[in-house]
Amino acid sequence: MDKLVIESEHIKIRKLKISDLSDFYFYRSNPEVTKYQGFDTYTIDQSKEFIESQLSVQFGKAGEWNQLGIENKQTGKLIGDCAIKLGEYDVRIAEVGITISHMEQNKGYGKESLVAILNFLFSIMDFHRVTEIVDVENVASIRLLESVGFVKEGHFIQNIFFNGKWGSEFQYAMLKNQWELITAMKS
């Protein structure tokens, strides 16, 4: 798939660009934004290097994270990013993650992004399942996942060492047939 663009009412999910650097660095350098992420705060050089590393990544390769920018369609500014990784052994399964700038949180962009990603993935023929792993202390993300209809499937206790301590995570999942039922009920 050459150019992956996912659009909804207020946002456009698209490849990161070098011109996103200042917006990307702005939120990725904030410890409150990275508090529950699988990465620490970024320097400006790390931000540039990360964006450059994603320029050649194309969606559709098994086992490879594809990091995409979340753009506010009205302002054209990068307000966050999201990741989609198709399963290494089965590309009908994906893991996702979303990061929203601290200046844009609590405005519905996380939910709109997640719904747009689900609509996109479940529109792919034979696509089956989407998962997200979330820190047990990340109450906002847990609320988001549950509000969309994700089901908690697992609790991994002290399974990750991050920020100098052991952390625990939940695994949430959405099946295509569940998503179809949820969206049909909303129609």
C-alpha atoms as a PDB file:
ATOM      1  CA  MET A   1       0.000   0.000   0.000  1.00  0.00           C
ATOM      2  CA  ASP A   2       1.698   3.128  -1.228  1.00  0.00           C
ATOM      3  CA  LYS A   3       0.096   6.034   0.601  1.00  0.00           C
ATOM      4  CA  LEU A   4      -1.913   5.225   3.679  1.00  0.00           C
ATOM      5  CA  VAL A   5      -4.291   8.044   4.589  1.00  0.00           C
ATOM      6  CA  ILE A   6      -7.187   7.551   6.983  1.00  0.00           C
ATOM      7  CA  GLU A   7      -9.609  10.450   7.308  1.00  0.00           C
ATOM      8  CA  SER A   8     -12.492  11.211   9.605  1.00  0.00           C
ATOM      9  CA  GLU A   9     -14.398  14.387  10.418  1.00  0.00           C
ATOM     10  CA  HIS A  10     -11.656  16.307  12.254  1.00  0.00           C
ATOM     11  CA  ILE A  11      -8.442  14.371  11.658  1.00  0.00           C
ATOM     12  CA  LYS A  12      -6.249  12.928   8.958  1.00  0.00           C
ATOM     13  CA  ILE A  13      -3.966  10.011   9.774  1.00  0.00           C
ATOM     14  CA  ARG A  14      -1.040  10.023   7.353  1.00  0.00           C
ATOM     15  CA  LYS A  15       2.686   9.448   7.020  1.00  0.00           C
ATOM     16  CA  LEU A  16       4.900  11.581   9.220  1.00  0.00           C
ATOM     17  CA  LYS A  17       6.813  14.328   7.396  1.00  0.00           C
ATOM     18  CA  ILE A  18       9.988  16.236   8.222  1.00  0.00           C
ATOM     19  CA  SER A  19       7.831  19.372   8.436  1.00  0.00           C
ATOM     20  CA  ASP A  20       6.110  17.727  11.472  1.00  0.00           C
ATOM     21  CA  LEU A  21       9.339  17.917  13.475  1.00  0.00           C
ATOM     22  CA  SER A  22       8.539  20.848  15.790  1.00  0.00           C
ATOM     23  CA  ASP A  23       5.004  19.621  16.577  1.00  0.00           C
ATOM     24  CA  PHE A  24       6.236  16.032  17.048  1.00  0.00           C
ATOM     25  CA  TYR A  25       9.065  17.131  19.357  1.00  0.00           C
ATOM     26  CA  PHE A  26       6.722  19.447  21.290  1.00  0.00           C
ATOM     27  CA  TYR A  27       4.611  16.609  22.658  1.00  0.00           C
ATOM     28  CA  ARG A  28       7.133  13.743  22.524  1.00  0.00           C
ATOM     29  CA  SER A  29       9.486  15.754  24.782  1.00  0.00           C
ATOM     30  CA  ASN A  30       6.811  16.137  27.480  1.00  0.00           C
ATOM     31  CA  PRO A  31       7.196  13.617  30.353  1.00  0.00           C
ATOM     32  CA  GLU A  32       3.426  13.649  30.982  1.00  0.00           C
ATOM     33  CA  VAL A  33       2.786  12.493  27.415  1.00  0.00           C
ATOM     34  CA  THR A  34       5.396   9.733  27.531  1.00  0.00           C
ATOM     35  CA  LYS A  35       4.605   8.656  31.097  1.00  0.00           C
ATOM     36  CA  TYR A  36       2.805   5.454  30.065  1.00  0.00           C
ATOM     37  CA  GLN A  37       4.414   4.933  26.669  1.00  0.00           C
ATOM     38  CA  GLY A  38       6.994   2.356  25.688  1.00  0.00           C
ATOM     39  CA  PHE A  39       9.473   5.181  25.067  1.00  0.00           C
ATOM     40  CA  ASP A  40      11.019   7.981  27.092  1.00  0.00           C
ATOM     41  CA  THR A  41      10.975  11.690  26.241  1.00  0.00           C
ATOM     42  CA  TYR A  42      12.608  12.602  22.936  1.00  0.00           C
ATOM     43  CA  THR A  43      15.267  15.176  22.189  1.00  0.00           C
ATOM     44  CA  ILE A  44      14.940  17.219  19.000  1.00  0.00           C
ATOM     45  CA  ASP A  45      17.618  15.021  17.364  1.00  0.00           C
ATOM     46  CA  GLN A  46      15.820  11.827  18.389  1.00  0.00           C
ATOM     47  CA  SER A  47      12.567  13.266  17.044  1.00  0.00           C
ATOM     48  CA  LYS A  48      14.169  14.036  13.679  1.00  0.00           C
ATOM     49  CA  GLU A  49      15.838  10.636  13.536  1.00  0.00           C
ATOM     50  CA  PHE A  50      12.559   8.886  14.357  1.00  0.00           C
ATOM     51  CA  ILE A  51      10.588  10.752  11.684  1.00  0.00           C
ATOM     52  CA  GLU A  52      13.327  10.036   9.131  1.00  0.00           C
ATOM     53  CA  SER A  53      13.233   6.339  10.057  1.00  0.00           C
ATOM     54  CA  GLN A  54       9.519   6.240   9.229  1.00  0.00           C
ATOM     55  CA  LEU A  55       9.713   7.945   5.826  1.00  0.00           C
ATOM     56  CA  SER A  56      10.372   4.699   3.948  1.00  0.00           C
ATOM     57  CA  VAL A  57       8.120   2.455   6.060  1.00  0.00           C
ATOM     58  CA  GLN A  58       5.029   1.283   4.197  1.00  0.00           C
ATOM     59  CA  PHE A  59       1.894  -0.130   5.752  1.00  0.00           C
ATOM     60  CA  GLY A  60       1.325  -3.814   5.153  1.00  0.00           C
ATOM     61  CA  LYS A  61       4.602  -5.453   6.151  1.00  0.00           C
ATOM     62  CA  ALA A  62       4.127  -8.195   8.719  1.00  0.00           C
ATOM     63  CA  GLY A  63       5.619  -7.505  12.138  1.00  0.00           C
ATOM     64  CA  GLU A  64       6.706  -3.916  11.374  1.00  0.00           C
ATOM     65  CA  TRP A  65       5.462  -0.884  13.287  1.00  0.00           C
ATOM     66  CA  ASN A  66       4.121   1.827  10.992  1.00  0.00           C
ATOM     67  CA  GLN A  67       4.045   5.170  12.826  1.00  0.00           C
ATOM     68  CA  LEU A  68       1.624   7.699  11.347  1.00  0.00           C
ATOM     69  CA  GLY A  69       0.901  11.325  12.117  1.00  0.00           C
ATOM     70  CA  ILE A  70      -2.486  12.530  13.342  1.00  0.00           C
ATOM     71  CA  GLU A  71      -3.195  15.881  11.731  1.00  0.00           C
ATOM     72  CA  ASN A  72      -5.926  18.320  12.703  1.00  0.00           C
ATOM     73  CA  LYS A  73      -7.690  18.858   9.358  1.00  0.00           C
ATOM     74  CA  GLN A  74      -8.758  22.395  10.255  1.00  0.00           C
ATOM     75  CA  THR A  75      -5.312  23.678  11.284  1.00  0.00           C
ATOM     76  CA  GLY A  76      -3.051  21.299   9.352  1.00  0.00           C
ATOM     77  CA  LYS A  77      -0.982  20.828  12.550  1.00  0.00           C
ATOM     78  CA  LEU A  78       0.276  17.503  13.866  1.00  0.00           C
ATOM     79  CA  ILE A  79      -1.596  16.789  17.107  1.00  0.00           C
ATOM     80  CA  GLY A  80      -0.352  13.277  17.761  1.00  0.00           C
ATOM     81  CA  ASP A  81       0.706  10.034  16.195  1.00  0.00           C
ATOM     82  CA  CYS A  82      -0.434   6.462  16.090  1.00  0.00           C
ATOM     83  CA  ALA A  83       1.162   3.126  15.393  1.00  0.00           C
ATOM     84  CA  ILE A  84      -0.155   0.072  13.616  1.00  0.00           C
ATOM     85  CA  LYS A  85       1.738  -3.209  13.573  1.00  0.00           C
ATOM     86  CA  LEU A  86       0.384  -6.118  11.588  1.00  0.00           C
ATOM     87  CA  GLY A  87       1.000  -9.496  13.171  1.00  0.00           C
ATOM     88  CA  GLU A  88       4.354 -11.076  12.405  1.00  0.00           C
ATOM     89  CA  TYR A  89       2.744 -14.427  11.618  1.00  0.00           C
ATOM     90  CA  ASP A  90      -0.738 -13.329  10.576  1.00  0.00           C
ATOM     91  CA  VAL A  91      -1.446  -9.974   8.906  1.00  0.00           C
ATOM     92  CA  ARG A  92      -5.156 -10.287   9.729  1.00  0.00           C
ATOM     93  CA  ILE A  93      -4.235  -9.204  13.275  1.00  0.00           C
ATOM     94  CA  ALA A  94      -2.831  -5.831  14.348  1.00  0.00           C
ATOM     95  CA  GLU A  95      -1.620  -4.060  17.460  1.00  0.00           C
ATOM     96  CA  VAL A  96      -2.242  -0.324  17.682  1.00  0.00           C
ATOM     97  CA  GLY A  97      -1.182   2.584  19.862  1.00  0.00           C
ATOM     98  CA  ILE A  98      -2.054   6.278  19.986  1.00  0.00           C
ATOM     99  CA  THR A  99      -0.220   9.312  21.389  1.00  0.00           C
ATOM    100  CA  ILE A 100      -2.008  12.675  21.546  1.00  0.00           C
ATOM    101  CA  SER A 101      -0.279  15.972  22.343  1.00  0.00           C
ATOM    102  CA  HIS A 102      -0.885  17.264  25.870  1.00  0.00           C
ATOM    103  CA  MET A 103      -2.365  20.414  24.310  1.00  0.00           C
ATOM    104  CA  GLU A 104      -4.952  18.367  22.376  1.00  0.00           C
ATOM    105  CA  GLN A 105      -6.022  15.795  24.962  1.00  0.00           C
ATOM    106  CA  ASN A 106      -9.621  15.611  26.220  1.00  0.00           C
ATOM    107  CA  LYS A 107     -10.955  16.952  22.902  1.00  0.00           C
ATOM    108  CA  GLY A 108     -12.030  13.606  21.432  1.00  0.00           C
ATOM    109  CA  TYR A 109      -9.079  13.216  19.046  1.00  0.00           C
ATOM    110  CA  GLY A 110      -7.899   9.963  20.630  1.00  0.00           C
ATOM    111  CA  LYS A 111     -11.306   8.357  20.252  1.00  0.00           C
ATOM    112  CA  GLU A 112     -11.794   9.711  16.739  1.00  0.00           C
ATOM    113  CA  SER A 113      -8.352   8.353  15.779  1.00  0.00           C
ATOM    114  CA  LEU A 114      -9.016   4.932  17.273  1.00  0.00           C
ATOM    115  CA  VAL A 115     -12.426   4.642  15.590  1.00  0.00           C
ATOM    116  CA  ALA A 116     -10.922   5.699  12.243  1.00  0.00           C
ATOM    117  CA  ILE A 117      -8.152   3.104  12.575  1.00  0.00           C
ATOM    118  CA  LEU A 118     -10.676   0.378  13.438  1.00  0.00           C
ATOM    119  CA  ASN A 119     -12.888   1.338  10.491  1.00  0.00           C
ATOM    120  CA  PHE A 120      -9.862   1.186   8.202  1.00  0.00           C
ATOM    121  CA  LEU A 121      -8.455  -2.113   9.473  1.00  0.00           C
ATOM    122  CA  PHE A 122     -11.799  -3.890   9.571  1.00  0.00           C
ATOM    123  CA  SER A 123     -12.506  -2.760   6.006  1.00  0.00           C
ATOM    124  CA  ILE A 124      -9.573  -4.917   4.857  1.00  0.00           C
ATOM    125  CA  MET A 125     -10.842  -8.253   3.564  1.00  0.00           C
ATOM    126  CA  ASP A 126     -10.478 -11.090   6.093  1.00  0.00           C
ATOM    127  CA  PHE A 127      -9.063  -8.769   8.766  1.00  0.00           C
ATOM    128  CA  HIS A 128      -9.874 -10.318  12.160  1.00  0.00           C
ATOM    129  CA  ARG A 129      -8.532  -8.663  15.323  1.00  0.00           C
ATOM    130  CA  VAL A 130      -6.990  -5.500  16.810  1.00  0.00           C
ATOM    131  CA  THR A 131      -5.202  -5.374  20.159  1.00  0.00           C
ATOM    132  CA  GLU A 132      -3.777  -2.649  22.345  1.00  0.00           C
ATOM    133  CA  ILE A 133      -1.560  -3.080  25.376  1.00  0.00           C
ATOM    134  CA  VAL A 134      -1.897  -0.375  28.016  1.00  0.00           C
ATOM    135  CA  ASP A 135      -0.223   0.391  31.343  1.00  0.00           C
ATOM    136  CA  VAL A 136      -2.589  -0.478  34.197  1.00  0.00           C
ATOM    137  CA  GLU A 137      -2.122   3.043  35.603  1.00  0.00           C
ATOM    138  CA  ASN A 138      -3.101   4.742  32.329  1.00  0.00           C
ATOM    139  CA  VAL A 139      -6.716   5.384  33.304  1.00  0.00           C
ATOM    140  CA  ALA A 140      -7.437   7.725  30.364  1.00  0.00           C
ATOM    141  CA  SER A 141      -6.380   5.128  27.783  1.00  0.00           C
ATOM    142  CA  ILE A 142      -8.292   2.370  29.562  1.00  0.00           C
ATOM    143  CA  ARG A 143     -11.436   4.538  29.529  1.00  0.00           C
ATOM    144  CA  LEU A 144     -10.899   5.264  25.836  1.00  0.00           C
ATOM    145  CA  LEU A 145     -10.544   1.587  24.917  1.00  0.00           C
ATOM    146  CA  GLU A 146     -13.583   0.584  26.944  1.00  0.00           C
ATOM    147  CA  SER A 147     -15.677   3.461  25.560  1.00  0.00           C
ATOM    148  CA  VAL A 148     -15.066   2.199  22.026  1.00  0.00           C
ATOM    149  CA  GLY A 149     -15.950  -1.373  23.010  1.00  0.00           C
ATOM    150  CA  PHE A 150     -12.587  -3.079  23.469  1.00  0.00           C
ATOM    151  CA  VAL A 151     -12.616  -6.082  25.801  1.00  0.00           C
ATOM    152  CA  LYS A 152      -9.943  -6.608  28.461  1.00  0.00           C
ATOM    153  CA  GLU A 153      -8.388 -10.002  27.783  1.00  0.00           C
ATOM    154  CA  GLY A 154      -5.326 -10.111  29.973  1.00  0.00           C
ATOM    155  CA  HIS A 155      -3.459  -8.652  32.910  1.00  0.00           C
ATOM    156  CA  PHE A 156       0.310  -8.949  32.736  1.00  0.00           C
ATOM    157  CA  ILE A 157       1.768  -8.413  36.199  1.00  0.00           C
ATOM    158  CA  GLN A 158       5.165  -6.696  36.418  1.00  0.00           C
ATOM    159  CA  ASN A 159       5.951  -7.755  32.852  1.00  0.00           C
ATOM    160  CA  ILE A 160       7.829  -4.641  31.713  1.00  0.00           C
ATOM    161  CA  PHE A 161      10.734  -2.699  33.204  1.00  0.00           C
ATOM    162  CA  PHE A 162      10.314   0.974  32.363  1.00  0.00           C
ATOM    163  CA  ASN A 163      11.357   4.248  34.015  1.00  0.00           C
ATOM    164  CA  GLY A 164      13.390   2.370  36.624  1.00  0.00           C
ATOM    165  CA  LYS A 165      10.609   0.101  37.884  1.00  0.00           C
ATOM    166  CA  TRP A 166       8.532  -2.920  36.981  1.00  0.00           C
ATOM    167  CA  GLY A 167       5.166  -2.115  35.469  1.00  0.00           C
ATOM    168  CA  SER A 168       2.027  -4.076  34.743  1.00  0.00           C
ATOM    169  CA  GLU A 169      -0.123  -3.951  31.624  1.00  0.00           C
ATOM    170  CA  PHE A 170      -3.575  -4.887  30.391  1.00  0.00           C
ATOM    171  CA  GLN A 171      -4.246  -6.315  26.952  1.00  0.00           C
ATOM    172  CA  TYR A 172      -7.430  -5.202  25.243  1.00  0.00           C
ATOM    173  CA  ALA A 173      -8.831  -6.528  21.975  1.00  0.00           C
ATOM    174  CA  MET A 174     -11.554  -5.921  19.415  1.00  0.00           C
ATOM    175  CA  LEU A 175     -12.725  -8.559  16.958  1.00  0.00           C
ATOM    176  CA  LYS A 176     -14.154  -7.650  13.573  1.00  0.00           C
ATOM    177  CA  ASN A 177     -17.531  -9.219  14.382  1.00  0.00           C
ATOM    178  CA  GLN A 178     -17.685  -7.217  17.640  1.00  0.00           C
ATOM    179  CA  TRP A 179     -16.873  -3.996  15.739  1.00  0.00           C
ATOM    180  CA  GLU A 180     -19.538  -4.726  13.135  1.00  0.00           C
ATOM    181  CA  LEU A 181     -22.105  -5.246  15.902  1.00  0.00           C
ATOM    182  CA  ILE A 182     -21.071  -2.033  17.703  1.00  0.00           C
ATOM    183  CA  THR A 183     -21.210   0.065  14.522  1.00  0.00           C
ATOM    184  CA  ALA A 184     -24.526  -1.496  13.456  1.00  0.00           C
ATOM    185  CA  MET A 185     -26.075  -0.604  16.816  1.00  0.00           C
ATOM    186  CA  LYS A 186     -24.980   3.026  16.361  1.00  0.00           C
ATOM    187  CA  SER A 187     -26.523   3.285  12.870  1.00  0.00           C
END
